[in-house]
């Protein structure tokens, strides 16, 4: 398969290595010095996009306009998801988006939902989320953290929104705390905690490196080739 990379930073280089290991060819590496408008994408089967939030919307529309299926791992653009979903469907495009492409994280999403269902009737527990990333992470809270919050809100009767503050700073009893921590040289970590006066229940996912995200995005690219519509990793993994 021929893959173009939109965004050729650390993540793009990981995706390149994994894609080549799986027998694919990289047709273009799009970044600030090599804009997509001047690249030859005529032999490209799928675009994998890991750039920056400000570029994501334009990159998605570009790919839809040029009938290029796009797998997008950039987060921080989801306020435009509804409009871009309509644009993709009305133009017979193919878009696969995920706040996190790691297979392990997507399993973690499902565990989080089930735990929220179990804890919904246990009023003595207060839920909170912590997401820890390196200082280069541009969005806060992380897209993965927001997905975890949404999983709790959709499956727990106590919470109807989230606030990006520490648990002690929550302004509304119905709000779920998601705390964002940015540190030098740390692995991406997401923790869900349910605390009561007598005990705590915690689940945690820690990414040791970027390979999980890279592998998941390449698997997603392999899956979306030849398809039309808007998809997520739930479709890829058949959850």
Protein backbone atom coordinates (compact mmCIF):
# COMPACT_ATOMS: atom_id res chain seq x y z
CA UNK A 1 0.00 0.00 0.00
CA UNK A 2 1.17 3.56 -0.73
CA UNK A 3 0.93 5.89 2.27
CA UNK A 4 1.49 9.65 2.48
CA UNK A 5 2.41 11.14 5.84
CA UNK A 6 0.90 14.53 6.70
CA UNK A 7 3.13 15.60 9.57
CA UNK A 8 6.68 14.31 9.73
CA UNK A 9 7.75 14.90 13.30
CA UNK A 10 8.57 12.25 15.88
CA UNK A 11 5.27 10.47 15.36
CA UNK A 12 5.55 10.60 11.59
CA UNK A 13 8.97 8.97 11.69
CA UNK A 14 7.66 6.16 13.91
CA UNK A 15 4.77 5.58 11.49
CA UNK A 16 7.19 5.54 8.57
CA UNK A 17 9.35 2.86 10.18
CA UNK A 18 6.40 0.66 11.10
CA UNK A 19 4.69 1.08 7.71
CA UNK A 20 7.88 0.08 5.86
CA UNK A 21 8.34 -2.90 8.21
CA UNK A 22 4.82 -4.01 7.24
CA UNK A 23 5.66 -3.82 3.53
CA UNK A 24 4.17 -0.43 2.65
CA UNK A 25 5.69 2.44 0.67
CA UNK A 26 5.82 6.07 1.83
CA UNK A 27 4.90 8.28 -1.12
CA UNK A 28 5.17 11.72 0.53
CA UNK A 29 6.29 13.34 3.77
CA UNK A 30 4.33 16.54 4.23
CA UNK A 31 5.57 19.15 6.67
CA UNK A 32 6.28 22.88 6.84
CA UNK A 33 9.07 22.60 4.26
CA UNK A 34 7.16 20.28 1.93
CA UNK A 35 3.53 21.49 1.60
CA UNK A 36 0.81 19.12 0.45
CA UNK A 37 -0.17 21.40 -2.42
CA UNK A 38 3.17 20.80 -4.18
CA UNK A 39 3.44 17.07 -3.46
CA UNK A 40 2.72 14.32 -6.00
CA UNK A 41 -0.03 12.29 -4.32
CA UNK A 42 -1.31 10.60 -7.47
CA UNK A 43 -0.14 7.13 -6.38
CA UNK A 44 -1.20 7.48 -2.75
CA UNK A 45 -3.74 5.02 -1.34
CA UNK A 46 -4.14 6.47 2.18
CA UNK A 47 -2.97 9.52 4.13
CA UNK A 48 -1.96 9.23 7.79
CA UNK A 49 -2.14 12.62 9.49
CA UNK A 50 -0.26 13.50 12.70
CA UNK A 51 0.37 17.23 12.47
CA UNK A 52 -0.89 20.03 14.73
CA UNK A 53 -4.46 21.03 15.67
CA UNK A 54 -4.43 24.21 13.55
CA UNK A 55 -3.66 22.22 10.39
CA UNK A 56 -5.98 19.26 10.93
CA UNK A 57 -9.21 20.69 9.54
CA UNK A 58 -7.58 21.93 6.34
CA UNK A 59 -5.77 18.63 5.86
CA UNK A 60 -9.00 16.67 6.24
CA UNK A 61 -10.84 18.83 3.69
CA UNK A 62 -7.89 18.59 1.29
CA UNK A 63 -7.92 14.79 1.44
CA UNK A 64 -11.69 14.58 1.00
CA UNK A 65 -11.50 16.96 -1.98
CA UNK A 66 -8.80 14.80 -3.58
CA UNK A 67 -10.51 11.47 -2.77
CA UNK A 68 -7.70 10.42 -0.44
CA UNK A 69 -8.79 8.31 2.56
CA UNK A 70 -7.37 9.94 5.68
CA UNK A 71 -6.47 8.44 9.04
CA UNK A 72 -6.09 11.32 11.48
CA UNK A 73 -4.37 11.06 14.83
CA UNK A 74 -4.08 14.78 15.55
CA UNK A 75 -6.37 15.94 18.35
CA UNK A 76 -7.58 19.39 19.37
CA UNK A 77 -9.86 19.88 16.33
CA UNK A 78 -12.95 17.96 17.44
CA UNK A 79 -15.15 21.06 17.62
CA UNK A 80 -15.25 20.70 13.82
CA UNK A 81 -16.04 16.97 13.79
CA UNK A 82 -19.75 17.38 13.03
CA UNK A 83 -19.16 19.69 10.08
CA UNK A 84 -16.31 17.54 8.73
CA UNK A 85 -18.40 14.37 9.07
CA UNK A 86 -21.10 16.00 6.94
CA UNK A 87 -18.49 17.23 4.45
CA UNK A 88 -16.93 13.78 4.18
CA UNK A 89 -20.25 11.99 3.68
CA UNK A 90 -21.59 14.53 1.17
CA UNK A 91 -18.39 14.28 -0.90
CA UNK A 92 -18.09 10.48 -0.77
CA UNK A 93 -14.88 10.67 1.21
CA UNK A 94 -13.23 8.41 3.78
CA UNK A 95 -12.19 9.60 7.23
CA UNK A 96 -10.99 7.55 10.18
CA UNK A 97 -10.43 9.53 13.36
CA UNK A 98 -9.38 8.52 16.85
CA UNK A 99 -8.16 10.35 19.91
CA UNK A 100 -5.74 7.47 20.34
CA UNK A 101 -4.75 4.73 17.87
CA UNK A 102 -3.10 2.43 20.40
CA UNK A 103 -4.86 -0.94 20.54
CA UNK A 104 -4.17 -1.05 24.29
CA UNK A 105 -5.73 2.37 24.85
CA UNK A 106 -8.84 1.39 22.90
CA UNK A 107 -9.20 -1.68 25.12
CA UNK A 108 -8.71 0.69 28.08
CA UNK A 109 -11.59 2.85 26.75
CA UNK A 110 -13.92 -0.15 26.90
CA UNK A 111 -12.77 -1.13 30.42
CA UNK A 112 -13.37 2.47 31.53
CA UNK A 113 -16.96 2.38 30.25
CA UNK A 114 -17.71 -0.89 31.99
CA UNK A 115 -16.20 0.33 35.26
CA UNK A 116 -18.33 3.49 35.07
CA UNK A 117 -21.44 1.34 34.68
CA UNK A 118 -20.52 -0.70 37.74
CA UNK A 119 -19.73 2.38 39.85
CA UNK A 120 -22.80 4.36 38.83
CA UNK A 121 -24.89 2.98 41.70
CA UNK A 122 -22.11 3.45 44.27
CA UNK A 123 -22.69 6.97 45.58
CA UNK A 124 -19.84 6.77 48.09
CA UNK A 125 -17.21 6.97 45.32
CA UNK A 126 -16.03 10.12 43.55
CA UNK A 127 -14.47 9.67 40.12
CA UNK A 128 -11.55 11.65 38.72
CA UNK A 129 -9.21 11.48 35.73
CA UNK A 130 -5.54 12.45 35.49
CA UNK A 131 -3.65 12.65 32.19
CA UNK A 132 0.13 13.07 32.22
CA UNK A 133 2.14 14.01 29.11
CA UNK A 134 5.42 15.54 28.04
CA UNK A 135 5.69 19.32 27.80
CA UNK A 136 5.52 19.21 23.97
CA UNK A 137 1.88 18.07 24.13
CA UNK A 138 -0.06 20.98 22.60
CA UNK A 139 -3.63 20.29 23.77
CA UNK A 140 -4.93 20.00 27.32
CA UNK A 141 -6.74 17.96 28.29
CA UNK A 142 -5.51 15.31 25.90
CA UNK A 143 -7.89 13.86 23.34
CA UNK A 144 -7.52 10.50 25.07
CA UNK A 145 -8.42 12.10 28.40
CA UNK A 146 -11.52 13.68 26.92
CA UNK A 147 -12.59 10.32 25.44
CA UNK A 148 -12.17 8.74 28.88
CA UNK A 149 -14.28 11.48 30.45
CA UNK A 150 -16.98 11.01 27.82
CA UNK A 151 -16.94 7.28 28.51
CA UNK A 152 -17.59 7.93 32.20
CA UNK A 153 -20.24 10.60 31.58
CA UNK A 154 -22.14 8.36 29.16
CA UNK A 155 -22.18 5.44 31.58
CA UNK A 156 -22.43 7.05 35.04
CA UNK A 157 -25.53 8.83 36.35
CA UNK A 158 -23.61 11.26 38.59
CA UNK A 159 -21.68 13.19 35.92
CA UNK A 160 -22.94 15.30 33.03
CA UNK A 161 -19.81 17.30 32.11
CA UNK A 162 -16.07 17.54 32.78
CA UNK A 163 -13.85 20.35 34.06
CA UNK A 164 -10.12 20.57 33.34
CA UNK A 165 -9.15 21.15 36.98
CA UNK A 166 -7.99 19.17 40.00
CA UNK A 167 -10.68 17.30 41.92
CA UNK A 168 -10.38 19.80 44.79
CA UNK A 169 -11.17 22.65 42.38
CA UNK A 170 -14.39 21.27 40.87
CA UNK A 171 -17.12 23.92 40.82
CA UNK A 172 -20.12 21.64 40.28
CA UNK A 173 -21.05 18.30 41.90
CA UNK A 174 -22.10 17.01 38.50
CA UNK A 175 -18.71 17.74 36.93
CA UNK A 176 -15.98 15.17 36.48
CA UNK A 177 -12.44 16.33 37.24
CA UNK A 178 -9.77 15.80 34.60
CA UNK A 179 -6.38 17.08 35.69
CA UNK A 180 -3.70 17.75 33.05
CA UNK A 181 -0.07 17.38 34.09
CA UNK A 182 2.82 18.32 31.79
CA UNK A 183 6.33 17.15 32.72
CA UNK A 184 9.68 16.71 30.98
CA UNK A 185 10.40 13.31 29.41
CA UNK A 186 7.48 11.30 30.79
CA UNK A 187 5.46 8.52 29.14
CA UNK A 188 1.84 9.30 28.30
CA UNK A 189 -0.25 8.13 31.24
CA UNK A 190 -4.00 8.13 31.88
CA UNK A 191 -5.44 7.25 35.29
CA UNK A 192 -9.06 6.75 36.36
CA UNK A 193 -9.69 6.81 40.08
CA UNK A 194 -12.82 6.14 42.15
CA UNK A 195 -12.18 7.23 45.75
CA UNK A 196 -14.29 6.78 48.87
CA UNK A 197 -13.58 7.26 52.55
CA UNK A 198 -12.65 3.60 52.93
CA UNK A 199 -10.86 2.67 49.69
CA UNK A 200 -9.86 3.56 46.14
CA UNK A 201 -10.22 1.79 42.82
CA UNK A 202 -7.79 2.77 40.05
CA UNK A 203 -7.16 1.74 36.47
CA UNK A 204 -4.22 3.11 34.50
CA UNK A 205 -2.71 2.97 31.04
CA UNK A 206 0.93 3.95 30.45
CA UNK A 207 2.45 4.21 26.98
CA UNK A 208 6.12 3.20 27.08
CA UNK A 209 6.83 4.65 23.62
CA UNK A 210 5.12 5.86 20.43
CA UNK A 211 5.15 2.48 18.69
CA UNK A 212 1.66 1.54 19.87
CA UNK A 213 0.18 4.68 18.34
CA UNK A 214 2.16 4.19 15.14
CA UNK A 215 1.17 0.55 14.73
CA UNK A 216 -2.49 1.32 15.38
CA UNK A 217 -2.54 4.10 12.79
CA UNK A 218 -0.98 1.83 10.14
CA UNK A 219 -3.50 -0.92 10.95
CA UNK A 220 -6.24 1.70 10.57
CA UNK A 221 -4.81 2.76 7.20
CA UNK A 222 -4.79 -0.84 6.02
CA UNK A 223 -8.42 -1.20 7.13
CA UNK A 224 -9.84 1.97 5.55
CA UNK A 225 -8.42 1.43 2.06
CA UNK A 226 -11.33 1.07 -0.36
CA UNK A 227 -13.98 2.20 2.11
CA UNK A 228 -16.19 5.30 2.15
CA UNK A 229 -17.60 7.05 5.20
CA UNK A 230 -16.53 8.18 8.66
CA UNK A 231 -15.05 5.62 11.06
CA UNK A 232 -13.24 5.23 14.38
CA UNK A 233 -10.96 2.62 15.91
CA UNK A 234 -14.06 0.89 17.27
CA UNK A 235 -14.83 -0.05 13.67
CA UNK A 236 -11.27 -1.21 13.02
CA UNK A 237 -11.15 -3.35 16.16
CA UNK A 238 -14.79 -4.48 15.86
CA UNK A 239 -15.67 -3.46 19.44
